[in-house]
């Protein structure tokens, strides 16, 4: 069930025409510069990328970083978590990052696919690899600072290392500024991250190892799920909420919408009995923001600081 939490978001698909893809690829290849071929370390060993004219980012945070590097025109398709980004409009989609459709990916004639180590299933990755597509898989993000290394690896693999260093430096500065702001806050709120999907009757409390945990800590808060000993996530129960005593309930925006807003969250097991419930202190952020693994990690962390301490 915890994997479902990390595989967040499912949205409507969109497809682009082959003619547009071909012209975009030529423009993008020129924009990528001459820093290819490039060999990078991945979770599957060293991989050499020779052509970044037709990129498939596997994961919303990966797509976000590719776009921030100025390579939107090179992207020929995205998974459903990347489909929510404005730059993805008109691009093909092929399942979420945990249930990839390899045939759909191969139909876009990718020259490179890049994603986090947790994408899958493995059979889909093996099929892409067997078809000759270079697969760049990088470690999953466990804290905001991981975005810095991920940016530089992605940029190197796609032939734009200089842009990568610039983006990584900017992101590092934004993260440091946000963390300092959180550390200087006069409050230390107790925060419960709830993963909720009303349409699926799925209600969980997050804990250690889940992306929001490190974001909460970096923002100057206390993750109550981690404090209770929750690993990744656990079923939401009245007993857990009462024991957690959160001052703030943190949720994904889509989750908030799925239960009808703040009033819906207050009806979940035990929430109304907590300080957060009594004060209606429920805050929401976009799924990609709370993951903290993309190029906007610092901006998202600053936003969380304001939400928790405001």
Protein backbone atom coordinates (compact mmCIF):
# COMPACT_ATOMS: atom_id res chain seq x y z
CA UNK A 1 0.00 0.00 0.00
CA UNK A 2 2.91 2.34 0.72
CA UNK A 3 3.96 2.10 -2.91
CA UNK A 4 0.59 3.51 -3.86
CA UNK A 5 1.37 6.58 -1.79
CA UNK A 6 4.59 7.23 -3.66
CA UNK A 7 2.99 6.59 -7.02
CA UNK A 8 0.63 9.52 -6.56
CA UNK A 9 -1.71 11.08 -9.08
CA UNK A 10 -3.60 9.76 -12.10
CA UNK A 11 -4.87 12.14 -14.78
CA UNK A 12 -6.38 12.13 -18.25
CA UNK A 13 -4.02 11.31 -21.11
CA UNK A 14 -3.18 13.42 -24.13
CA UNK A 15 -1.47 12.47 -27.38
CA UNK A 16 0.66 14.46 -29.82
CA UNK A 17 1.05 13.89 -33.55
CA UNK A 18 4.13 12.29 -35.07
CA UNK A 19 4.84 15.27 -37.33
CA UNK A 20 5.04 17.60 -34.35
CA UNK A 21 7.30 15.16 -32.52
CA UNK A 22 9.75 15.03 -35.40
CA UNK A 23 10.09 18.78 -35.70
CA UNK A 24 10.34 19.18 -31.93
CA UNK A 25 13.08 16.55 -31.76
CA UNK A 26 15.24 18.38 -34.32
CA UNK A 27 14.86 21.70 -32.52
CA UNK A 28 15.51 20.06 -29.16
CA UNK A 29 18.60 18.20 -30.36
CA UNK A 30 20.18 21.49 -31.37
CA UNK A 31 19.22 23.05 -28.05
CA UNK A 32 20.83 20.18 -26.16
CA UNK A 33 24.26 21.28 -27.33
CA UNK A 34 27.27 19.05 -27.99
CA UNK A 35 27.85 17.45 -24.58
CA UNK A 36 26.75 14.02 -25.82
CA UNK A 37 27.55 11.19 -25.72
CA UNK A 38 27.59 11.18 -21.94
CA UNK A 39 28.05 8.26 -19.55
CA UNK A 40 26.36 8.48 -16.16
CA UNK A 41 26.10 6.26 -13.10
CA UNK A 42 22.60 4.86 -12.62
CA UNK A 43 21.01 2.37 -10.25
CA UNK A 44 21.42 -0.19 -13.05
CA UNK A 45 25.10 0.56 -13.67
CA UNK A 46 26.76 2.93 -16.10
CA UNK A 47 24.64 4.05 -19.04
CA UNK A 48 25.75 5.99 -22.12
CA UNK A 49 23.35 8.41 -23.77
CA UNK A 50 24.15 9.43 -27.34
CA UNK A 51 20.99 11.29 -28.32
CA UNK A 52 18.59 13.38 -26.22
CA UNK A 53 16.35 14.51 -29.06
CA UNK A 54 13.40 12.34 -27.94
CA UNK A 55 13.21 12.20 -24.15
CA UNK A 56 10.76 10.21 -22.03
CA UNK A 57 10.80 11.39 -18.38
CA UNK A 58 9.32 8.77 -16.06
CA UNK A 59 7.84 10.67 -13.10
CA UNK A 60 6.44 14.14 -12.58
CA UNK A 61 9.49 15.44 -10.70
CA UNK A 62 11.78 14.16 -13.46
CA UNK A 63 9.65 15.85 -16.13
CA UNK A 64 9.65 19.04 -14.08
CA UNK A 65 13.46 19.02 -14.01
CA UNK A 66 13.77 18.26 -17.73
CA UNK A 67 11.50 21.22 -18.47
CA UNK A 68 13.48 23.48 -16.12
CA UNK A 69 16.59 22.58 -18.10
CA UNK A 70 14.95 24.03 -21.21
CA UNK A 71 14.29 20.71 -22.94
CA UNK A 72 10.49 20.75 -23.17
CA UNK A 73 10.58 20.45 -26.95
CA UNK A 74 12.61 17.24 -26.67
CA UNK A 75 10.03 15.47 -24.50
CA UNK A 76 7.86 13.13 -26.58
CA UNK A 77 5.76 11.66 -23.79
CA UNK A 78 5.23 11.58 -20.03
CA UNK A 79 3.67 9.39 -17.37
CA UNK A 80 0.42 10.56 -15.77
CA UNK A 81 2.14 12.40 -12.91
CA UNK A 82 4.05 14.47 -15.45
CA UNK A 83 0.93 15.09 -17.52
CA UNK A 84 -0.30 17.70 -15.02
CA UNK A 85 2.54 20.08 -15.89
CA UNK A 86 1.65 22.87 -18.36
CA UNK A 87 4.60 21.97 -20.60
CA UNK A 88 3.15 18.47 -21.06
CA UNK A 89 0.07 19.68 -22.89
CA UNK A 90 -0.33 17.76 -26.13
CA UNK A 91 2.27 15.14 -25.29
CA UNK A 92 1.56 11.40 -25.20
CA UNK A 93 1.04 9.65 -21.85
CA UNK A 94 1.52 5.99 -20.96
CA UNK A 95 0.50 4.96 -17.47
CA UNK A 96 1.82 6.15 -14.12
CA UNK A 97 5.43 5.67 -13.09
CA UNK A 98 4.67 2.38 -11.29
CA UNK A 99 2.53 0.85 -14.03
CA UNK A 100 4.29 1.94 -17.21
CA UNK A 101 3.05 0.87 -20.62
CA UNK A 102 6.25 -0.04 -22.52
CA UNK A 103 4.46 -0.34 -25.86
CA UNK A 104 3.13 3.19 -25.46
CA UNK A 105 6.60 4.47 -24.65
CA UNK A 106 8.24 2.68 -27.57
CA UNK A 107 5.60 4.08 -29.92
CA UNK A 108 7.14 7.51 -29.31
CA UNK A 109 10.55 6.30 -30.59
CA UNK A 110 12.46 7.57 -27.53
CA UNK A 111 16.22 8.04 -27.67
CA UNK A 112 16.45 8.07 -23.85
CA UNK A 113 14.18 7.38 -20.88
CA UNK A 114 15.00 8.78 -17.48
CA UNK A 115 13.34 8.24 -14.10
CA UNK A 116 13.69 7.33 -10.45
CA UNK A 117 14.79 3.88 -9.32
CA UNK A 118 11.27 3.01 -8.14
CA UNK A 119 9.63 3.25 -11.58
CA UNK A 120 8.30 0.06 -13.05
CA UNK A 121 7.26 -2.61 -13.29
CA UNK A 122 10.70 -4.11 -13.88
CA UNK A 123 9.33 -6.03 -16.86
CA UNK A 124 8.54 -2.72 -18.56
CA UNK A 125 12.05 -1.40 -17.89
CA UNK A 126 13.55 -4.64 -19.24
CA UNK A 127 11.41 -4.37 -22.38
CA UNK A 128 12.60 -0.82 -23.04
CA UNK A 129 16.18 -1.84 -22.44
CA UNK A 130 15.83 -4.83 -24.78
CA UNK A 131 14.52 -2.48 -27.47
CA UNK A 132 17.75 -0.50 -27.25
CA UNK A 133 16.46 2.52 -25.31
CA UNK A 134 19.08 3.90 -22.87
CA UNK A 135 17.45 3.81 -19.41
CA UNK A 136 18.77 6.28 -16.84
CA UNK A 137 17.40 5.43 -13.39
CA UNK A 138 18.55 7.58 -10.47
CA UNK A 139 18.05 7.09 -6.71
CA UNK A 140 14.69 8.13 -5.29
CA UNK A 141 14.53 11.38 -3.38
CA UNK A 142 14.42 11.06 0.43
CA UNK A 143 15.11 14.69 1.35
CA UNK A 144 14.95 18.09 -0.40
CA UNK A 145 18.74 18.23 -0.89
CA UNK A 146 18.56 15.11 -3.07
CA UNK A 147 17.10 17.33 -5.78
CA UNK A 148 20.53 18.91 -6.28
CA UNK A 149 22.28 15.67 -7.23
CA UNK A 150 19.31 14.53 -9.27
CA UNK A 151 19.35 17.74 -11.31
CA UNK A 152 23.04 17.43 -12.16
CA UNK A 153 22.71 13.76 -13.10
CA UNK A 154 19.71 14.42 -15.33
CA UNK A 155 21.42 17.37 -16.98
CA UNK A 156 24.59 15.41 -17.65
CA UNK A 157 22.65 12.50 -19.13
CA UNK A 158 20.76 14.84 -21.44
CA UNK A 159 23.79 16.76 -22.66
CA UNK A 160 23.26 20.05 -20.82
CA UNK A 161 25.68 19.87 -17.84
CA UNK A 162 26.24 23.63 -17.68
CA UNK A 163 22.51 24.30 -17.42
CA UNK A 164 22.36 21.58 -14.80
CA UNK A 165 24.99 23.21 -12.62
CA UNK A 166 23.21 26.55 -12.85
CA UNK A 167 19.84 25.03 -11.95
CA UNK A 168 21.35 22.92 -9.16
CA UNK A 169 23.08 25.96 -7.63
CA UNK A 170 19.86 27.94 -7.73
CA UNK A 171 17.88 25.09 -6.19
CA UNK A 172 20.50 24.60 -3.46
CA UNK A 173 20.27 28.28 -2.56
CA UNK A 174 16.47 28.15 -2.44
CA UNK A 175 16.53 25.08 -0.19
CA UNK A 176 19.08 26.64 2.18
CA UNK A 177 17.06 29.85 2.42
CA UNK A 178 13.83 27.97 3.13
CA UNK A 179 15.46 25.76 5.78
CA UNK A 180 16.94 28.80 7.52
CA UNK A 181 13.53 30.46 7.49
CA UNK A 182 11.97 27.37 9.07
CA UNK A 183 14.70 27.13 11.71
CA UNK A 184 14.18 30.75 12.70
CA UNK A 185 10.42 30.38 13.12
CA UNK A 186 9.11 30.85 16.64
CA UNK A 187 6.78 27.85 16.34
CA UNK A 188 7.51 24.11 16.07
CA UNK A 189 4.21 22.68 14.85
CA UNK A 190 3.33 19.02 15.14
CA UNK A 191 2.30 17.92 11.65
CA UNK A 192 0.41 14.83 10.52
CA UNK A 193 0.65 14.09 6.82
CA UNK A 194 -2.46 12.23 5.69
CA UNK A 195 -2.62 10.43 2.37
CA UNK A 196 -6.29 10.41 1.46
CA UNK A 197 -8.16 9.31 -1.64
CA UNK A 198 -11.87 9.55 -0.92
CA UNK A 199 -12.95 7.85 -4.11
CA UNK A 200 -10.89 4.77 -3.16
CA UNK A 201 -11.69 4.87 0.58
CA UNK A 202 -7.94 5.08 1.19
CA UNK A 203 -6.89 6.92 4.34
CA UNK A 204 -3.35 6.69 5.70
CA UNK A 205 -0.98 8.56 7.99
CA UNK A 206 2.51 9.10 6.65
CA UNK A 207 5.74 8.51 8.51
CA UNK A 208 9.45 7.89 8.19
CA UNK A 209 10.76 7.41 4.67
CA UNK A 210 7.88 9.10 2.90
CA UNK A 211 8.72 12.27 0.97
CA UNK A 212 6.58 14.62 3.10
CA UNK A 213 8.41 13.48 6.25
CA UNK A 214 11.70 15.09 5.23
CA UNK A 215 9.90 18.15 3.90
CA UNK A 216 8.10 18.65 7.22
CA UNK A 217 11.35 18.33 9.17
CA UNK A 218 13.23 20.66 6.83
CA UNK A 219 10.43 23.22 7.20
CA UNK A 220 10.86 23.30 10.98
CA UNK A 221 7.99 20.99 11.92
CA UNK A 222 7.66 17.66 13.72
CA UNK A 223 6.32 14.73 11.69
CA UNK A 224 3.97 13.05 14.14
CA UNK A 225 3.73 9.88 12.09
CA UNK A 226 7.49 9.41 12.30
CA UNK A 227 7.35 10.20 16.01
CA UNK A 228 4.79 7.39 16.43
CA UNK A 229 7.10 4.94 14.66
CA UNK A 230 5.19 4.74 11.38
CA UNK A 231 7.37 3.43 8.55
CA UNK A 232 6.30 4.94 5.23
CA UNK A 233 2.56 4.83 5.94
CA UNK A 234 -0.09 3.12 8.04
CA UNK A 235 -3.86 2.95 8.17
CA UNK A 236 -5.46 6.04 9.67
CA UNK A 237 -7.17 5.19 12.96
CA UNK A 238 -8.77 7.31 15.72
CA UNK A 239 -6.15 6.01 18.16
CA UNK A 240 -3.27 7.07 15.89
CA UNK A 241 -4.66 10.57 15.43
CA UNK A 242 -5.30 11.11 19.13
CA UNK A 243 -1.79 9.88 19.95
CA UNK A 244 -0.26 12.07 17.23
CA UNK A 245 -1.81 15.28 18.63
CA UNK A 246 -1.07 17.26 15.43
CA UNK A 247 -1.31 21.02 15.35
CA UNK A 248 -1.50 20.86 11.54
CA UNK A 249 -2.95 18.35 9.12
CA UNK A 250 -1.02 18.29 5.83
CA UNK A 251 -2.57 16.70 2.73
CA UNK A 252 -2.15 16.57 -1.01
CA UNK A 253 -4.42 19.00 -2.85
CA UNK A 254 -6.02 16.16 -4.80
CA UNK A 255 -6.66 14.31 -1.56
CA UNK A 256 -8.32 17.35 -0.04
CA UNK A 257 -10.58 17.66 -3.06
CA UNK A 258 -11.43 13.94 -2.96
CA UNK A 259 -13.15 14.28 0.43
CA UNK A 260 -14.88 17.58 -0.26
CA UNK A 261 -12.45 19.98 1.38
CA UNK A 262 -11.60 20.75 4.99
CA UNK A 263 -14.99 19.62 6.30
CA UNK A 264 -14.38 16.22 4.74
CA UNK A 265 -10.95 15.94 6.39
CA UNK A 266 -12.49 16.75 9.78
CA UNK A 267 -14.80 13.74 9.39
CA UNK A 268 -11.89 11.30 9.05
CA UNK A 269 -11.16 8.98 12.01
CA UNK A 270 -9.97 10.90 15.05
CA UNK A 271 -9.16 14.14 13.22
CA UNK A 272 -11.85 16.24 14.92
CA UNK A 273 -10.40 15.33 18.33
CA UNK A 274 -6.95 16.73 17.55
CA UNK A 275 -5.71 20.31 18.05
CA UNK A 276 -5.52 20.61 14.25
CA UNK A 277 -9.12 19.46 13.88
CA UNK A 278 -10.41 21.73 16.61
CA UNK A 279 -8.70 24.71 14.97
CA UNK A 280 -9.50 23.60 11.41
CA UNK A 281 -5.79 23.80 10.62
CA UNK A 282 -5.68 21.77 7.40
CA UNK A 283 -3.18 22.78 4.71
CA UNK A 284 -2.71 21.33 1.25
CA UNK A 285 0.06 21.25 -1.34
CA UNK A 286 0.37 19.81 -4.81
CA UNK A 287 1.57 16.21 -5.03
CA UNK A 288 4.77 17.12 -6.90
CA UNK A 289 5.60 19.89 -4.44
CA UNK A 290 5.58 17.61 -1.41
CA UNK A 291 7.72 15.00 -3.16
CA UNK A 292 10.63 17.43 -2.95
CA UNK A 293 12.70 15.69 -5.65
CA UNK A 294 12.42 18.11 -8.55
CA UNK A 295 13.74 21.46 -9.64
CA UNK A 296 11.18 23.31 -7.50
CA UNK A 297 12.20 21.64 -4.22
CA UNK A 298 13.36 24.91 -2.67
CA UNK A 299 10.30 26.86 -3.78
CA UNK A 300 8.02 24.13 -2.44
CA UNK A 301 9.88 23.98 0.86
CA UNK A 302 9.52 27.74 1.29
CA UNK A 303 5.79 27.41 0.65
CA UNK A 304 5.53 24.68 3.28
CA UNK A 305 7.37 26.84 5.81
CA UNK A 306 4.79 29.58 5.31
CA UNK A 307 1.88 27.12 5.60
CA UNK A 308 3.16 25.51 8.79
CA UNK A 309 4.25 28.62 10.62
CA UNK A 310 1.79 31.15 9.25
